[in-house]
PDB file of N, CA and C in Angstrom:
ATOM      1  N   UNK A   1      26.230 -25.230 -25.473  1.00  0.00           N
ATOM      2  CA  UNK A   1      24.840 -25.459 -25.824  1.00  0.00           C
ATOM      3  C   UNK A   1      24.275 -24.189 -26.461  1.00  0.00           C
ATOM      4  N   UNK A   2      23.787 -24.328 -27.644  1.00  0.00           N
ATOM      5  CA  UNK A   2      23.235 -23.197 -28.381  1.00  0.00           C
ATOM      6  C   UNK A   2      21.717 -23.258 -28.288  1.00  0.00           C
ATOM      7  N   UNK A   3      21.121 -22.117 -27.897  1.00  0.00           N
ATOM      8  CA  UNK A   3      19.671 -22.053 -27.787  1.00  0.00           C
ATOM      9  C   UNK A   3      19.071 -21.625 -29.117  1.00  0.00           C
ATOM     10  N   UNK A   4      17.963 -22.263 -29.465  1.00  0.00           N
ATOM     11  CA  UNK A   4      17.258 -21.876 -30.674  1.00  0.00           C
ATOM     12  C   UNK A   4      16.343 -20.694 -30.401  1.00  0.00           C
ATOM     13  N   UNK A   5      15.723 -20.223 -31.432  1.00  0.00           N
ATOM     14  CA  UNK A   5      14.846 -19.056 -31.313  1.00  0.00           C
ATOM     15  C   UNK A   5      13.648 -19.359 -30.406  1.00  0.00           C
ATOM     16  N   UNK A   6      13.167 -20.599 -30.431  1.00  0.00           N
ATOM     17  CA  UNK A   6      12.028 -20.969 -29.590  1.00  0.00           C
ATOM     18  C   UNK A   6      12.405 -20.943 -28.108  1.00  0.00           C
ATOM     19  N   UNK A   7      13.587 -21.450 -27.787  1.00  0.00           N
ATOM     20  CA  UNK A   7      14.027 -21.447 -26.398  1.00  0.00           C
ATOM     21  C   UNK A   7      14.255 -20.038 -25.877  1.00  0.00           C
ATOM     22  N   UNK A   8      14.807 -19.187 -26.710  1.00  0.00           N
ATOM     23  CA  UNK A   8      15.039 -17.795 -26.317  1.00  0.00           C
ATOM     24  C   UNK A   8      13.704 -17.088 -26.099  1.00  0.00           C
ATOM     25  N   UNK A   9      12.764 -17.297 -26.999  1.00  0.00           N
ATOM     26  CA  UNK A   9      11.443 -16.680 -26.865  1.00  0.00           C
ATOM     27  C   UNK A   9      10.756 -17.166 -25.599  1.00  0.00           C
ATOM     28  N   UNK A  10      10.828 -18.459 -25.336  1.00  0.00           N
ATOM     29  CA  UNK A  10      10.230 -19.018 -24.129  1.00  0.00           C
ATOM     30  C   UNK A  10      10.885 -18.440 -22.878  1.00  0.00           C
ATOM     31  N   UNK A  11      12.198 -18.287 -22.893  1.00  0.00           N
ATOM     32  CA  UNK A  11      12.906 -17.713 -21.742  1.00  0.00           C
ATOM     33  C   UNK A  11      12.472 -16.265 -21.515  1.00  0.00           C
ATOM     34  N   UNK A  12      12.289 -15.517 -22.572  1.00  0.00           N
ATOM     35  CA  UNK A  12      11.850 -14.120 -22.448  1.00  0.00           C
ATOM     36  C   UNK A  12      10.444 -14.070 -21.865  1.00  0.00           C
ATOM     37  N   UNK A  13       9.555 -14.930 -22.348  1.00  0.00           N
ATOM     38  CA  UNK A  13       8.178 -14.950 -21.850  1.00  0.00           C
ATOM     39  C   UNK A  13       8.145 -15.332 -20.384  1.00  0.00           C
ATOM     40  N   UNK A  14       8.888 -16.367 -20.001  1.00  0.00           N
ATOM     41  CA  UNK A  14       8.922 -16.801 -18.600  1.00  0.00           C
ATOM     42  C   UNK A  14       9.505 -15.704 -17.715  1.00  0.00           C
ATOM     43  N   UNK A  15      10.552 -15.042 -18.180  1.00  0.00           N
ATOM     44  CA  UNK A  15      11.146 -13.941 -17.407  1.00  0.00           C
ATOM     45  C   UNK A  15      10.180 -12.788 -17.229  1.00  0.00           C
ATOM     46  N   UNK A  16       9.447 -12.477 -18.281  1.00  0.00           N
ATOM     47  CA  UNK A  16       8.461 -11.399 -18.203  1.00  0.00           C
ATOM     48  C   UNK A  16       7.348 -11.751 -17.227  1.00  0.00           C
ATOM     49  N   UNK A  17       6.870 -12.979 -17.282  1.00  0.00           N
ATOM     50  CA  UNK A  17       5.832 -13.412 -16.345  1.00  0.00           C
ATOM     51  C   UNK A  17       6.328 -13.373 -14.902  1.00  0.00           C
ATOM     52  N   UNK A  18       7.565 -13.782 -14.693  1.00  0.00           N
ATOM     53  CA  UNK A  18       8.137 -13.731 -13.342  1.00  0.00           C
ATOM     54  C   UNK A  18       8.223 -12.292 -12.846  1.00  0.00           C
ATOM     55  N   UNK A  19       8.593 -11.370 -13.723  1.00  0.00           N
ATOM     56  CA  UNK A  19       8.674  -9.958 -13.336  1.00  0.00           C
ATOM     57  C   UNK A  19       7.291  -9.408 -12.997  1.00  0.00           C
ATOM     58  N   UNK A  20       6.278  -9.821 -13.753  1.00  0.00           N
ATOM     59  CA  UNK A  20       4.911  -9.364 -13.475  1.00  0.00           C
ATOM     60  C   UNK A  20       4.441  -9.879 -12.126  1.00  0.00           C
ATOM     61  N   UNK A  21       4.683 -11.166 -11.859  1.00  0.00           N
ATOM     62  CA  UNK A  21       4.280 -11.744 -10.567  1.00  0.00           C
ATOM     63  C   UNK A  21       4.983 -11.036  -9.424  1.00  0.00           C
ATOM     64  N   UNK A  22       6.287 -10.769  -9.566  1.00  0.00           N
ATOM     65  CA  UNK A  22       7.036 -10.073  -8.515  1.00  0.00           C
ATOM     66  C   UNK A  22       6.481  -8.668  -8.305  1.00  0.00           C
ATOM     67  N   UNK A  23       6.167  -7.977  -9.392  1.00  0.00           N
ATOM     68  CA  UNK A  23       5.622  -6.621  -9.283  1.00  0.00           C
ATOM     69  C   UNK A  23       4.272  -6.628  -8.569  1.00  0.00           C
ATOM     70  N   UNK A  24       3.435  -7.605  -8.881  1.00  0.00           N
ATOM     71  CA  UNK A  24       2.140  -7.704  -8.213  1.00  0.00           C
ATOM     72  C   UNK A  24       2.324  -7.963  -6.720  1.00  0.00           C
ATOM     73  N   UNK A  25       3.293  -8.781  -6.381  1.00  0.00           N
ATOM     74  CA  UNK A  25       3.583  -9.056  -4.962  1.00  0.00           C
ATOM     75  C   UNK A  25       3.975  -7.773  -4.242  1.00  0.00           C
ATOM     76  N   UNK A  26       4.853  -6.994  -4.851  1.00  0.00           N
ATOM     77  CA  UNK A  26       5.287  -5.729  -4.262  1.00  0.00           C
ATOM     78  C   UNK A  26       4.104  -4.768  -4.136  1.00  0.00           C
ATOM     79  N   UNK A  27       3.231  -4.733  -5.150  1.00  0.00           N
ATOM     80  CA  UNK A  27       2.068  -3.849  -5.096  1.00  0.00           C
ATOM     81  C   UNK A  27       1.133  -4.223  -3.953  1.00  0.00           C
ATOM     82  N   UNK A  28       0.943  -5.518  -3.725  1.00  0.00           N
ATOM     83  CA  UNK A  28       0.090  -5.961  -2.620  1.00  0.00           C
ATOM     84  C   UNK A  28       0.693  -5.545  -1.288  1.00  0.00           C
ATOM     85  N   UNK A  29       1.993  -5.716  -1.138  1.00  0.00           N
ATOM     86  CA  UNK A  29       2.657  -5.317   0.103  1.00  0.00           C
ATOM     87  C   UNK A  29       2.538  -3.814   0.331  1.00  0.00           C
ATOM     88  N   UNK A  30       2.719  -3.030  -0.725  1.00  0.00           N
ATOM     89  CA  UNK A  30       2.596  -1.579  -0.595  1.00  0.00           C
ATOM     90  C   UNK A  30       1.169  -1.175  -0.245  1.00  0.00           C
ATOM     91  N   UNK A  31       0.181  -1.846  -0.845  1.00  0.00           N
ATOM     92  CA  UNK A  31      -1.213  -1.533  -0.548  1.00  0.00           C
ATOM     93  C   UNK A  31      -1.517  -1.805   0.923  1.00  0.00           C
ATOM     94  N   UNK A  32      -0.975  -2.886   1.448  1.00  0.00           N
ATOM     95  CA  UNK A  32      -1.183  -3.197   2.868  1.00  0.00           C
ATOM     96  C   UNK A  32      -0.559  -2.127   3.759  1.00  0.00           C
ATOM     97  N   UNK A  33       0.642  -1.692   3.398  1.00  0.00           N
ATOM     98  CA  UNK A  33       1.302  -0.640   4.187  1.00  0.00           C
ATOM     99  C   UNK A  33       0.491   0.656   4.155  1.00  0.00           C
ATOM    100  N   UNK A  34       0.018   1.020   2.977  1.00  0.00           N
ATOM    101  CA  UNK A  34      -0.763   2.249   2.845  1.00  0.00           C
ATOM    102  C   UNK A  34      -2.052   2.150   3.649  1.00  0.00           C
ATOM    103  N   UNK A  35      -2.689   0.974   3.627  1.00  0.00           N
ATOM    104  CA  UNK A  35      -3.916   0.788   4.400  1.00  0.00           C
ATOM    105  C   UNK A  35      -3.642   0.956   5.889  1.00  0.00           C
ATOM    106  N   UNK A  36      -2.507   0.433   6.348  1.00  0.00           N
ATOM    107  CA  UNK A  36      -2.146   0.599   7.762  1.00  0.00           C
ATOM    108  C   UNK A  36      -1.884   2.053   8.105  1.00  0.00           C
ATOM    109  N   UNK A  37      -1.208   2.762   7.211  1.00  0.00           N
ATOM    110  CA  UNK A  37      -0.941   4.184   7.437  1.00  0.00           C
ATOM    111  C   UNK A  37      -2.255   4.955   7.510  1.00  0.00           C
ATOM    112  N   UNK A  38      -3.177   4.654   6.591  1.00  0.00           N
ATOM    113  CA  UNK A  38      -4.481   5.335   6.599  1.00  0.00           C
ATOM    114  C   UNK A  38      -5.228   5.061   7.897  1.00  0.00           C
ATOM    115  N   UNK A  39      -5.135   3.830   8.400  1.00  0.00           N
ATOM    116  CA  UNK A  39      -5.798   3.493   9.655  1.00  0.00           C
ATOM    117  C   UNK A  39      -5.218   4.312  10.806  1.00  0.00           C
ATOM    118  N   UNK A  40      -3.896   4.456  10.829  1.00  0.00           N
ATOM    119  CA  UNK A  40      -3.265   5.249  11.891  1.00  0.00           C
ATOM    120  C   UNK A  40      -3.656   6.720  11.777  1.00  0.00           C
ATOM    121  N   UNK A  41      -3.720   7.233  10.557  1.00  0.00           N
ATOM    122  CA  UNK A  41      -4.116   8.629  10.358  1.00  0.00           C
ATOM    123  C   UNK A  41      -5.550   8.840  10.838  1.00  0.00           C
ATOM    124  N   UNK A  42      -6.436   7.898  10.536  1.00  0.00           N
ATOM    125  CA  UNK A  42      -7.823   8.005  10.995  1.00  0.00           C
ATOM    126  C   UNK A  42      -7.896   8.007  12.517  1.00  0.00           C
ATOM    127  N   UNK A  43      -7.086   7.185  13.163  1.00  0.00           N
ATOM    128  CA  UNK A  43      -7.066   7.164  14.626  1.00  0.00           C
ATOM    129  C   UNK A  43      -6.611   8.512  15.191  1.00  0.00           C
ATOM    130  N   UNK A  44      -5.579   9.081  14.600  1.00  0.00           N
ATOM    131  CA  UNK A  44      -5.065  10.367  15.073  1.00  0.00           C
ATOM    132  C   UNK A  44      -6.109  11.462  14.864  1.00  0.00           C
ATOM    133  N   UNK A  45      -6.766  11.448  13.697  1.00  0.00           N
ATOM    134  CA  UNK A  45      -7.786  12.449  13.416  1.00  0.00           C
ATOM    135  C   UNK A  45      -8.934  12.316  14.412  1.00  0.00           C
ATOM    136  N   UNK A  46      -9.319  11.079  14.724  1.00  0.00           N
ATOM    137  CA  UNK A  46     -10.377  10.862  15.714  1.00  0.00           C
ATOM    138  C   UNK A  46     -10.004  11.422  17.075  1.00  0.00           C
ATOM    139  N   UNK A  47      -8.764  11.228  17.490  1.00  0.00           N
ATOM    140  CA  UNK A  47      -8.304  11.761  18.777  1.00  0.00           C
ATOM    141  C   UNK A  47      -8.312  13.288  18.771  1.00  0.00           C
ATOM    142  N   UNK A  48      -7.871  13.874  17.660  1.00  0.00           N
ATOM    143  CA  UNK A  48      -7.848  15.334  17.557  1.00  0.00           C
ATOM    144  C   UNK A  48      -9.278  15.879  17.608  1.00  0.00           C
ATOM    145  N   UNK A  49     -10.195  15.215  16.922  1.00  0.00           N
ATOM    146  CA  UNK A  49     -11.588  15.662  16.931  1.00  0.00           C
ATOM    147  C   UNK A  49     -12.180  15.603  18.340  1.00  0.00           C
ATOM    148  N   UNK A  50     -11.884  14.534  19.070  1.00  0.00           N
ATOM    149  CA  UNK A  50     -12.387  14.439  20.445  1.00  0.00           C
ATOM    150  C   UNK A  50     -11.837  15.569  21.312  1.00  0.00           C
ATOM    151  N   UNK A  51     -10.565  15.875  21.140  1.00  0.00           N
ATOM    152  CA  UNK A  51      -9.965  16.969  21.901  1.00  0.00           C
ATOM    153  C   UNK A  51     -10.582  18.310  21.509  1.00  0.00           C
ATOM    154  N   UNK A  52     -10.820  18.501  20.226  1.00  0.00           N
ATOM    155  CA  UNK A  52     -11.443  19.745  19.769  1.00  0.00           C
ATOM    156  C   UNK A  52     -12.838  19.898  20.363  1.00  0.00           C
ATOM    157  N   UNK A  53     -13.598  18.810  20.403  1.00  0.00           N
ATOM    158  CA  UNK A  53     -14.937  18.872  20.984  1.00  0.00           C
ATOM    159  C   UNK A  53     -14.877  19.214  22.468  1.00  0.00           C
ATOM    160  N   UNK A  54     -13.910  18.663  23.167  1.00  0.00           N
ATOM    161  CA  UNK A  54     -13.750  18.979  24.592  1.00  0.00           C
ATOM    162  C   UNK A  54     -13.453  20.466  24.776  1.00  0.00           C
ATOM    163  N   UNK A  55     -12.568  20.983  23.925  1.00  0.00           N
ATOM    164  CA  UNK A  55     -12.206  22.401  24.017  1.00  0.00           C
ATOM    165  C   UNK A  55     -13.416  23.279  23.724  1.00  0.00           C
ATOM    166  N   UNK A  56     -14.185  22.927  22.699  1.00  0.00           N
ATOM    167  CA  UNK A  56     -15.376  23.713  22.358  1.00  0.00           C
ATOM    168  C   UNK A  56     -16.394  23.699  23.495  1.00  0.00           C
ATOM    169  N   UNK A  57     -16.579  22.566  24.132  1.00  0.00           N
ATOM    170  CA  UNK A  57     -17.518  22.477  25.251  1.00  0.00           C
ATOM    171  C   UNK A  57     -17.065  23.375  26.402  1.00  0.00           C
ATOM    172  N   UNK A  58     -15.770  23.377  26.665  1.00  0.00           N
ATOM    173  CA  UNK A  58     -15.244  24.222  27.740  1.00  0.00           C
ATOM    174  C   UNK A  58     -15.437  25.697  27.411  1.00  0.00           C
ATOM    175  N   UNK A  59     -15.222  26.064  26.147  1.00  0.00           N
ATOM    176  CA  UNK A  59     -15.383  27.451  25.753  1.00  0.00           C
ATOM    177  C   UNK A  59     -16.851  27.887  25.804  1.00  0.00           C
ATOM    178  N   UNK A  60     -17.760  27.000  25.491  1.00  0.00           N
ATOM    179  CA  UNK A  60     -19.194  27.331  25.522  1.00  0.00           C
ATOM    180  C   UNK A  60     -19.676  27.522  26.952  1.00  0.00           C
ATOM    181  N   UNK A  61     -19.079  26.840  27.903  1.00  0.00           N
ATOM    182  CA  UNK A  61     -19.495  26.948  29.307  1.00  0.00           C
ATOM    183  C   UNK A  61     -19.127  28.308  29.874  1.00  0.00           C
ATOM    184  N   UNK A  62     -18.169  28.967  29.320  1.00  0.00           N
ATOM    185  CA  UNK A  62     -17.716  30.264  29.854  1.00  0.00           C
ATOM    186  C   UNK A  62     -18.663  31.334  29.559  1.00  0.00           C
TER     187      UNK A  62
END
């Protein structure tokens, strides 16, 4: 079976669209992972800040 120029062009366009959709899917997954990492970092920073405040209060009492 020999493909004509129209079929080849259509196959290229469909392949390109599929690659774009796949890339967008990967980008969404990565964005979700990064958002989760940022949330964990914020939690850790909050804990460190609370500990720092406790230490400062203890030092001021002396």
